[in-house]
Protein backbone atom coordinates (compact mmCIF):
# COMPACT_ATOMS: atom_id res chain seq x y z
CA MET A 1 -51.78 -23.93 20.00
CA ARG A 2 -53.48 -24.79 16.27
CA THR A 3 -52.28 -24.34 12.87
CA ASP A 4 -54.83 -22.45 11.52
CA THR A 5 -52.97 -22.14 7.28
CA ASN A 6 -50.47 -24.81 7.78
CA THR A 7 -53.70 -27.50 7.47
CA ASN A 8 -52.77 -30.93 6.53
CA ILE A 9 -55.09 -32.05 4.04
CA HIS A 10 -55.58 -36.05 3.28
CA GLN A 11 -57.76 -38.28 1.53
CA ASN A 12 -58.47 -41.11 2.77
CA ASP A 13 -58.06 -44.99 2.28
CA GLU A 14 -61.88 -46.51 1.24
CA SER A 15 -60.83 -49.82 3.08
CA GLN A 16 -60.02 -47.75 6.54
CA HIS A 17 -63.74 -47.66 6.62
CA LYS A 18 -64.46 -50.53 6.82
CA GLN A 19 -62.93 -52.05 9.41
CA ALA A 20 -64.49 -53.16 12.79
CA PRO A 21 -65.46 -50.92 14.77
CA ARG A 22 -63.13 -49.27 18.16
CA THR A 23 -65.45 -45.91 19.93
CA THR A 24 -63.78 -44.54 22.66
CA ALA A 25 -67.35 -42.39 22.95
CA ALA A 26 -68.40 -41.11 26.03
CA ALA A 27 -70.98 -37.70 27.35
CA GLY A 28 -70.41 -34.07 27.94
CA VAL A 29 -71.96 -33.68 31.04
CA LEU A 30 -71.24 -35.77 34.12
CA SER A 31 -74.22 -37.51 35.38
CA SER A 32 -74.31 -38.67 39.56
CA ASP A 33 -75.97 -41.82 38.35
CA SER A 34 -73.43 -42.78 36.85
CA VAL A 35 -74.64 -46.26 34.97
CA SER A 36 -76.91 -43.96 33.32
CA VAL A 37 -74.30 -42.48 31.64
CA HIS A 38 -72.62 -45.60 31.32
CA ALA A 39 -75.29 -46.78 29.24
CA MET A 40 -75.82 -43.04 26.17
CA ARG A 41 -71.98 -43.85 26.06
CA VAL A 42 -72.51 -47.32 24.72
CA CYS A 43 -76.06 -46.75 23.37
CA ALA A 44 -74.37 -44.15 21.23
CA SER A 45 -71.63 -46.30 20.16
CA LEU A 46 -73.45 -48.43 19.43
CA ASN A 47 -75.53 -46.72 16.96
CA ASN A 48 -73.03 -45.17 15.01
CA SER A 49 -70.54 -48.05 15.26
CA ASP A 50 -71.48 -48.58 10.57
CA CYS A 51 -70.34 -45.20 10.90
CA ILE A 52 -67.34 -44.49 11.96
CA ALA A 53 -63.89 -46.08 10.93
CA GLY A 54 -61.77 -48.41 13.54
CA GLY A 55 -59.91 -47.47 16.31
CA GLN A 56 -61.42 -43.72 15.33
CA ARG A 57 -62.95 -41.95 19.29
CA LEU A 58 -66.53 -39.58 18.78
CA GLY A 59 -65.92 -36.77 19.93
CA MET A 60 -69.24 -34.94 20.69
CA THR A 61 -69.89 -31.50 18.75
CA ASP A 62 -70.96 -28.38 21.54
CA SER A 63 -71.90 -24.68 21.11
CA GLY A 64 -71.96 -23.34 24.41
CA CYS A 65 -68.54 -25.56 25.52
CA ILE A 66 -65.33 -23.18 24.61
CA SER A 67 -62.61 -25.48 24.51
CA LEU A 68 -61.73 -29.30 23.42
CA ILE A 69 -62.44 -31.03 26.94
CA LEU A 70 -61.41 -35.10 26.18
CA LYS A 71 -60.94 -38.66 29.07
CA LEU A 72 -58.13 -38.46 29.67
CA ASP A 73 -57.82 -42.78 28.30
CA PRO A 74 -55.04 -45.11 27.81
CA GLU A 75 -54.89 -43.69 24.58
CA LEU A 76 -55.18 -40.07 24.68
CA ARG A 77 -52.08 -40.49 27.60
CA LEU A 78 -50.28 -42.21 24.61
CA VAL A 79 -50.01 -39.19 22.44
CA VAL A 80 -50.99 -35.92 24.85
CA HIS A 81 -48.53 -33.36 24.48
CA ASN A 82 -46.74 -30.58 27.07
CA MET A 83 -49.15 -31.89 29.76
CA ASN A 84 -49.79 -28.64 31.99
CA THR A 85 -51.55 -29.62 35.02
CA SER A 86 -51.09 -26.08 36.48
CA ASP A 87 -53.83 -25.18 33.97
CA ALA A 88 -56.55 -27.53 35.68
CA ILE A 89 -59.66 -26.34 36.42
CA SER A 90 -63.37 -26.76 37.73
CA GLY A 91 -66.41 -26.40 36.07
CA SER A 92 -70.53 -26.96 36.64
CA SER A 93 -73.41 -28.13 33.77
CA ALA A 94 -77.24 -27.46 34.30
CA SER A 95 -77.44 -30.50 36.33
CA SER A 96 -73.49 -31.58 37.06
CA GLN A 97 -69.81 -30.74 38.02
CA PHE A 98 -66.93 -31.22 36.65
CA ASN A 99 -62.94 -31.04 37.24
CA THR A 100 -60.28 -30.68 34.13
CA VAL A 101 -56.88 -32.06 35.85
CA GLY A 102 -55.11 -29.86 33.22
CA SER A 103 -53.89 -29.01 29.38
CA GLY A 104 -51.95 -30.59 27.01
CA LEU A 105 -51.51 -30.61 22.87
CA VAL A 106 -52.65 -33.15 21.32
CA GLY A 107 -52.51 -34.04 17.42
CA ILE A 108 -56.37 -33.87 15.93
CA ARG A 109 -57.64 -35.65 12.56
CA CYS A 110 -61.19 -35.02 11.16
CA THR A 111 -62.50 -36.93 8.57
CA PHE A 112 -64.41 -35.16 6.07
CA ASN A 113 -66.63 -36.01 2.45
CA ASP A 114 -65.61 -33.81 -0.67
CA LYS A 115 -68.31 -32.68 -3.20
CA SER A 116 -68.24 -36.27 -5.06
CA GLY A 117 -68.54 -38.34 -1.92
CA ASN A 118 -65.15 -38.86 -1.32
CA ASN A 119 -63.50 -39.04 2.52
CA HIS A 120 -60.39 -36.90 3.69
CA SER A 121 -58.57 -35.88 6.30
CA PHE A 122 -57.26 -32.28 8.11
CA ASP A 123 -54.99 -32.40 11.19
CA GLU A 124 -55.07 -29.92 13.58
CA VAL A 125 -52.61 -29.50 16.81
CA ALA A 126 -54.82 -27.87 19.62
CA LYS A 127 -54.52 -27.28 22.99
CA ALA A 128 -57.15 -28.87 25.19
CA SER A 129 -58.13 -30.06 28.96
CA VAL A 130 -58.05 -33.15 30.01
CA ALA A 131 -61.00 -34.86 32.89
CA GLU A 132 -60.38 -38.77 33.64
CA ASP A 133 -63.41 -38.12 34.88
CA TRP A 134 -65.19 -37.89 31.70
CA ASN A 135 -67.67 -39.75 29.21
CA PHE A 136 -67.89 -37.22 26.26
CA ASP A 137 -65.03 -35.78 24.15
CA LEU A 138 -65.58 -32.68 23.78
CA PHE A 139 -65.95 -30.83 19.99
CA PRO A 140 -66.68 -26.88 20.40
CA LEU A 141 -68.40 -25.52 17.51
CA ARG A 142 -66.68 -22.03 17.67
CA TRP A 143 -63.40 -24.68 18.13
CA PHE A 144 -64.20 -24.87 13.87
CA GLN A 145 -64.94 -21.92 12.78
CA ARG A 146 -61.52 -20.73 14.37
CA LEU A 147 -60.72 -22.98 11.44
CA GLY A 148 -62.35 -21.01 9.75
CA HIS A 149 -64.71 -23.75 8.67
CA SER A 150 -68.33 -22.70 8.46
CA VAL A 151 -71.03 -24.82 11.38
CA ILE A 152 -74.63 -24.39 10.18
CA PHE A 153 -77.41 -24.79 12.09
CA ASP A 154 -80.39 -24.89 9.97
CA GLY A 155 -83.82 -25.62 10.95
CA ARG A 156 -86.85 -28.26 9.97
CA LEU A 157 -87.09 -29.46 6.85
CA HIS A 158 -91.37 -29.36 6.68
CA SER A 159 -93.69 -29.40 8.60
CA GLU A 160 -93.88 -32.88 9.30
CA ASP A 161 -90.26 -33.22 10.46
CA THR A 162 -89.36 -34.36 13.85
CA SER A 163 -86.62 -33.16 14.02
CA ASP A 164 -84.69 -29.66 15.51
CA GLY A 165 -83.04 -28.52 12.40
CA ARG A 166 -79.81 -30.18 11.54
CA VAL A 167 -76.08 -29.34 11.49
CA THR A 168 -73.75 -29.14 9.29
CA VAL A 169 -70.20 -27.88 8.44
CA ASN A 170 -68.27 -27.43 5.93
CA VAL A 171 -64.16 -27.24 5.67
CA ASN A 172 -62.78 -25.04 4.43
CA LYS A 173 -58.95 -24.00 3.47
CA LEU A 174 -57.21 -20.90 3.95
CA SER A 175 -55.64 -18.21 2.79
CA ALA A 176 -53.75 -15.20 2.33
CA THR A 177 -56.89 -14.07 0.60
CA GLY A 178 -59.54 -15.81 1.62
CA ARG A 179 -61.42 -19.52 1.83
CA THR A 180 -62.38 -22.29 -0.25
CA LYS A 181 -64.66 -24.90 0.66
CA MET A 182 -63.55 -28.58 0.85
CA GLY A 183 -66.34 -30.76 1.48
CA GLU A 184 -68.27 -31.18 4.56
CA LEU A 185 -67.43 -32.61 8.44
CA LYS A 186 -68.59 -36.05 8.93
CA LEU A 187 -70.91 -35.42 11.38
CA VAL A 188 -73.22 -38.65 13.08
CA GLN A 189 -76.73 -38.17 15.08
CA TRP A 190 -77.93 -39.90 17.19
CA SER A 191 -80.91 -38.39 19.50
CA ASP A 192 -80.43 -35.65 18.55
CA LEU A 193 -76.82 -35.47 19.48
CA TYR A 194 -73.63 -34.99 16.74
CA PHE A 195 -69.98 -36.77 16.58
CA SER A 196 -67.47 -35.85 14.93
CA PRO A 197 -65.44 -39.59 14.05
CA TYR A 198 -62.26 -39.04 15.10
CA ASN A 199 -58.49 -39.97 16.00
CA VAL A 200 -55.58 -38.84 18.14
CA PHE A 201 -51.71 -38.69 16.79
CA PRO A 202 -49.04 -37.23 18.36
CA CYS A 203 -48.17 -33.53 17.31
CA PRO A 204 -44.81 -33.10 16.27
CA ALA A 205 -41.71 -32.48 17.62
CA GLU A 206 -41.85 -28.36 15.90
CA GLN A 207 -45.31 -27.69 17.77
CA ASP A 208 -43.20 -27.77 21.44
C-alpha cells in the first residue's frame, strides 16, 4: 500500500539536523562473516554521521531489489502495522541467502532539499518485508519511481573522475495531469553506495 496522490510534504526545521546522530544502518546482503558485515555497517554509519539527523536510519538504495526490506529491530517493532507472517520469503543474492519473517505497513519519512537548499520531507505508508537477520535497510530505486519520482543515473564527469557515476532522485509531486519537481532526495554516498536518510513512524489508522 502506498499513498501516491496523498504525499505529505513538510518543511524541516534546520535545528533538527544539528542533533547528535543515532543511526540504525545495516548491509543489503548477508555475509557468512558476520563480523565483516557488522564492520561495514559501522563504517557506513560513521562516514555518514555528519550528514544525518539524530534518530534517522539509513536506507541503502538498490536498483535490483523489487521491494522494501527493513531490519526488524526494536524501533521498527513499535511502528510496523498489520504484520503478516504468511508473507515470509527466502531468497538469495550472488553470495548469500536471506529469510524474511513477514511483511507489514510502515510509515516512511524521507528528506529532500529544494532548489534553495531548504530541507523538507515527504511521508509515505509502504508495505515492507521485514527480516531479523538483516543488516542494511534496503530501498529499491523503483519504489521511488512508483511514487512518481525520477531516478537519474549519471556517468563520470571527466576523464579523471574515478567514480562509477552518480545517482540522483528528483522528488516530484503528482497531480491529475502531470508532476512538479519539488527538489532532490537527500542521498549520502559511501564506497560507491548511496544511502537515503529516513525515519519510520506508525501508519495512520485510516491506512488499515
